[in-house]
Amino acid sequence: MKHKLIPALFLLLTGGAFAQDRTNSTIADWSPQIYQVGKMYPGYIISLEGDTTKGFIKADTRCSTGGIGSSNQNSVAFYLNESDKKPVKKYKPDELRGYQIADKVYESINYSGGLMKKPNFNIVVQEGKIRTYEWYSTVEGYATIQRQSGEDWKAFDARRFETKLIIAKDPKAPMEYSTLGMQFVKRMPELVSDNPEMAKKIVDKEKGYKFINMFEVIEEYNKWSASQK
């Protein structure tokens, strides 16, 4: 079944939660109780035209090992029925706006972890006019890292994966959170330029509108933007 309305992305987090350093942490729950590679999960795909088609998606790894192989970030195998043996199609990031698998929502933006800005699926962690995403890559020696006795999955994953936080108002022009530090006063006002009052507060470096407050600023801007509709 196809629908014109795109379902709301529900991985919305508060600005306060985002104020923490997120370089080595993750939003999504990847524990085996929640997500298992190879398992079918209900989900949907969103076409380039904005149509949503519900069905099932086979779970892949969160990222390729050493940049080699398929993963949730570079392809999605879509099935109409859970019992289907073959997918309707295996889509690439330039063929869809995004998709959902289980509780995880991905969107195609021009970020692939390196200097080349080609489309890839990035997991959504905050929706709004300015959106935030996470991009995963494996650390060196990933295959040899063993889970320690008593170690929870979040801590184990923090040792195996590098996580980059991505900011984007335009999916074709995403920015890494880590690069905004010295450029916050220059680049952030551009993102909120349709709210001149907020942009001026950032330029003037008012209290609560500095780089350390970036996620609170994004949340405030997104609430303001939603109220304008």
Protein backbone atom coordinates (compact mmCIF):
# COMPACT_ATOMS: atom_id res chain seq x y z
CA MET A 1 0.00 0.00 0.00
CA LYS A 2 1.29 3.46 -0.90
CA HIS A 3 0.66 6.68 0.95
CA LYS A 4 1.48 10.27 0.02
CA LEU A 5 2.11 11.30 3.61
CA ILE A 6 5.52 10.39 4.97
CA PRO A 7 5.25 8.93 8.49
CA ALA A 8 6.82 11.08 11.20
CA LEU A 9 10.26 9.99 12.31
CA PHE A 10 9.96 9.07 15.94
CA LEU A 11 13.55 9.03 17.16
CA LEU A 12 13.18 12.53 18.64
CA LEU A 13 15.50 13.38 21.49
CA THR A 14 15.72 16.45 23.68
CA GLY A 15 18.37 19.11 23.33
CA GLY A 16 19.63 18.35 26.83
CA ALA A 17 20.43 14.78 25.88
CA PHE A 18 22.30 16.00 22.84
CA ALA A 19 24.42 18.39 24.90
CA GLN A 20 26.61 15.45 25.86
CA ASP A 21 29.69 14.52 23.85
CA ARG A 22 28.33 11.96 21.39
CA THR A 23 31.51 11.02 19.53
CA ASN A 24 31.75 7.52 20.98
CA SER A 25 28.15 6.82 21.92
CA THR A 26 25.06 5.77 20.04
CA ILE A 27 21.38 6.63 20.16
CA ALA A 28 19.97 3.45 18.64
CA ASP A 29 19.79 0.21 20.61
CA TRP A 30 21.77 -2.43 18.73
CA SER A 31 21.65 -5.17 21.37
CA PRO A 32 20.65 -8.64 20.08
CA GLN A 33 17.39 -8.45 22.03
CA ILE A 34 16.37 -5.49 19.87
CA TYR A 35 18.14 -5.98 16.54
CA GLN A 36 19.46 -9.13 14.87
CA VAL A 37 21.30 -9.17 11.55
CA GLY A 38 19.48 -11.35 9.01
CA LYS A 39 16.08 -11.05 10.69
CA MET A 40 13.03 -9.60 8.92
CA TYR A 41 11.49 -6.50 10.50
CA PRO A 42 8.41 -4.45 9.58
CA GLY A 43 9.31 -1.19 7.91
CA TYR A 44 8.80 1.05 4.92
CA ILE A 45 10.67 2.73 2.10
CA ILE A 46 10.20 6.29 0.86
CA SER A 47 10.60 6.82 -2.89
CA LEU A 48 12.29 9.83 -4.44
CA GLU A 49 8.79 11.14 -5.21
CA GLY A 50 7.80 10.93 -1.53
CA ASP A 51 5.59 7.82 -1.69
CA THR A 52 5.77 5.48 1.29
CA THR A 53 5.47 1.72 0.76
CA LYS A 54 5.10 -0.52 3.79
CA GLY A 55 6.57 -3.99 3.94
CA PHE A 56 9.50 -5.81 5.50
CA ILE A 57 13.24 -5.21 5.51
CA LYS A 58 15.98 -7.73 6.19
CA ALA A 59 18.34 -6.47 8.87
CA ASP A 60 21.91 -5.85 7.75
CA THR A 61 24.94 -4.76 9.75
CA ARG A 62 25.01 -1.16 10.95
CA CYS A 63 28.10 -0.44 8.81
CA SER A 64 30.53 -2.16 6.49
CA THR A 65 33.67 -3.64 7.99
CA GLY A 66 36.57 -1.55 6.77
CA GLY A 67 34.26 0.05 4.23
CA ILE A 68 33.73 -3.30 2.45
CA GLY A 69 30.41 -5.12 2.07
CA SER A 70 26.75 -4.18 2.38
CA SER A 71 25.21 -2.52 5.41
CA ASN A 72 22.21 -0.47 6.45
CA GLN A 73 24.16 2.60 5.34
CA ASN A 74 24.68 1.64 1.71
CA SER A 75 21.71 -0.54 0.73
CA VAL A 76 18.29 -1.81 1.82
CA ALA A 77 16.63 -5.07 0.79
CA PHE A 78 12.86 -4.50 0.69
CA TYR A 79 10.23 -7.27 0.83
CA LEU A 80 6.44 -6.94 0.56
CA ASN A 81 5.81 -9.98 2.78
CA GLU A 82 7.75 -11.43 5.70
CA SER A 83 7.70 -14.89 4.10
CA ASP A 84 9.11 -13.76 0.72
CA LYS A 85 12.37 -15.47 -0.23
CA LYS A 86 13.56 -12.73 -2.55
CA PRO A 87 13.33 -8.97 -2.12
CA VAL A 88 11.28 -6.79 -4.42
CA LYS A 89 14.48 -4.83 -4.89
CA LYS A 90 17.71 -3.98 -3.13
CA TYR A 91 17.84 -0.20 -3.14
CA LYS A 92 20.85 2.08 -3.13
CA PRO A 93 20.91 5.46 -1.34
CA ASP A 94 20.42 7.41 -4.58
CA GLU A 95 17.20 5.48 -5.28
CA LEU A 96 15.29 6.35 -2.09
CA ARG A 97 14.70 9.26 0.26
CA GLY A 98 14.94 6.88 3.17
CA TYR A 99 13.50 3.89 4.98
CA GLN A 100 12.56 2.48 8.37
CA ILE A 101 13.53 -0.91 9.77
CA ALA A 102 12.09 -1.82 13.18
CA ASP A 103 12.73 1.24 15.39
CA LYS A 104 15.50 2.65 13.18
CA VAL A 105 14.86 5.36 10.60
CA TYR A 106 17.36 6.16 7.86
CA GLU A 107 17.50 9.01 5.36
CA SER A 108 19.66 9.42 2.29
CA ILE A 109 21.98 12.42 2.65
CA ASN A 110 25.26 13.33 0.99
CA TYR A 111 27.47 11.93 3.72
CA SER A 112 29.50 8.74 3.50
CA GLY A 113 32.08 9.18 6.22
CA GLY A 114 34.86 10.62 4.09
CA LEU A 115 35.78 13.48 1.79
CA MET A 116 33.49 12.23 -1.00
CA LYS A 117 29.99 13.59 -0.45
CA LYS A 118 28.02 10.81 -2.12
CA PRO A 119 24.54 9.76 -0.92
CA ASN A 120 24.35 7.21 1.86
CA PHE A 121 21.74 6.21 4.41
CA ASN A 122 22.36 7.89 7.78
CA ILE A 123 20.33 7.00 10.85
CA VAL A 124 18.08 9.79 12.14
CA VAL A 125 18.46 10.78 15.79
CA GLN A 126 16.57 14.09 15.80
CA GLU A 127 13.96 15.24 13.32
CA GLY A 128 13.01 18.79 12.45
CA LYS A 129 13.94 21.37 9.83
CA ILE A 130 17.54 20.96 11.01
CA ARG A 131 18.08 17.25 11.39
CA THR A 132 20.76 15.26 13.17
CA TYR A 133 22.08 11.85 12.14
CA GLU A 134 24.65 9.27 13.14
CA TRP A 135 27.18 7.64 10.84
CA TYR A 136 29.03 4.49 11.88
CA SER A 137 32.37 2.96 10.97
CA THR A 138 34.38 0.12 12.50
CA VAL A 139 37.55 0.81 14.46
CA GLU A 140 40.92 -0.72 13.58
CA GLY A 141 41.08 -4.32 14.76
CA TYR A 142 37.28 -4.56 14.91
CA ALA A 143 37.21 -8.30 14.12
CA THR A 144 39.48 -9.18 17.04
CA ILE A 145 37.67 -7.20 19.74
CA GLN A 146 35.95 -9.55 22.17
CA ARG A 147 33.11 -8.78 24.55
CA GLN A 148 34.36 -8.82 28.11
CA SER A 149 32.70 -10.61 31.00
CA GLY A 150 29.90 -8.46 32.39
CA GLU A 151 30.27 -5.85 29.64
CA ASP A 152 26.96 -4.50 28.36
CA TRP A 153 26.34 -4.12 24.64
CA LYS A 154 26.56 -0.33 24.67
CA ALA A 155 30.04 -0.39 26.19
CA PHE A 156 31.10 -3.21 23.86
CA ASP A 157 29.88 -1.33 20.81
CA ALA A 158 31.66 1.84 21.94
CA ARG A 159 34.95 -0.06 21.63
CA ARG A 160 34.10 -1.52 18.20
CA PHE A 161 32.52 1.40 16.37
CA GLU A 162 33.31 5.02 15.72
CA THR A 163 30.23 7.24 15.64
CA LYS A 164 30.06 10.60 13.89
CA LEU A 165 27.26 13.04 14.49
CA ILE A 166 26.00 14.80 11.36
CA ILE A 167 23.96 18.00 11.13
CA ALA A 168 21.89 18.80 8.02
CA LYS A 169 19.22 21.28 6.97
CA ASP A 170 19.78 20.43 3.33
CA PRO A 171 20.42 16.69 2.71
CA LYS A 172 22.90 17.71 0.03
CA ALA A 173 24.95 19.83 2.43
CA PRO A 174 25.49 17.92 5.71
CA MET A 175 28.13 18.94 8.23
CA GLU A 176 30.04 16.97 10.85
CA TYR A 177 29.38 18.12 14.39
CA SER A 178 33.11 17.99 15.11
CA THR A 179 33.87 20.56 12.39
CA LEU A 180 31.46 23.18 13.71
CA GLY A 181 33.42 24.18 16.81
CA MET A 182 35.55 27.00 15.40
CA GLN A 183 33.00 27.79 12.67
CA PHE A 184 29.85 27.88 14.79
CA VAL A 185 29.44 31.67 14.70
CA LYS A 186 29.90 31.62 10.92
CA ARG A 187 27.94 28.56 9.87
CA MET A 188 25.12 28.25 12.40
CA PRO A 189 23.55 31.65 11.57
CA GLU A 190 23.24 30.47 7.96
CA LEU A 191 21.24 27.44 9.10
CA VAL A 192 18.80 29.58 11.09
CA SER A 193 18.80 32.58 8.73
CA ASP A 194 15.01 32.51 8.37
CA ASN A 195 14.89 33.39 12.07
CA PRO A 196 16.92 36.66 12.10
CA GLU A 197 16.52 37.16 15.84
CA MET A 198 18.08 33.81 16.63
CA ALA A 199 20.80 34.27 14.01
CA LYS A 200 21.77 37.60 15.63
CA LYS A 201 21.98 36.00 19.07
CA ILE A 202 24.45 33.47 17.68
CA VAL A 203 26.55 36.14 15.93
CA ASP A 204 26.57 38.21 19.13
CA LYS A 205 27.58 35.12 21.14
CA GLU A 206 24.79 35.61 23.62
CA LYS A 207 24.54 33.28 26.59
CA GLY A 208 22.84 30.05 25.54
CA TYR A 209 23.68 30.55 21.86
CA LYS A 210 27.26 29.28 21.69
CA PHE A 211 28.73 26.05 20.34
CA ILE A 212 28.30 24.26 23.68
CA ASN A 213 24.57 25.02 23.38
CA MET A 214 24.29 23.84 19.77
CA PHE A 215 21.71 21.12 20.34
CA GLU A 216 19.53 23.37 22.48
CA VAL A 217 19.77 25.97 19.69
CA ILE A 218 18.73 23.36 17.11
CA GLU A 219 15.82 22.24 19.24
CA GLU A 220 14.68 25.85 19.76
CA TYR A 221 14.96 26.56 16.04
CA ASN A 222 13.05 23.39 15.11
CA LYS A 223 10.22 24.27 17.50
CA TRP A 224 10.09 27.79 16.07
CA SER A 225 10.12 26.46 12.51
CA ALA A 226 7.28 24.03 13.23
CA SER A 227 5.22 26.86 14.70
CA GLN A 228 5.46 28.84 11.45
CA LYS A 229 3.49 26.28 9.45
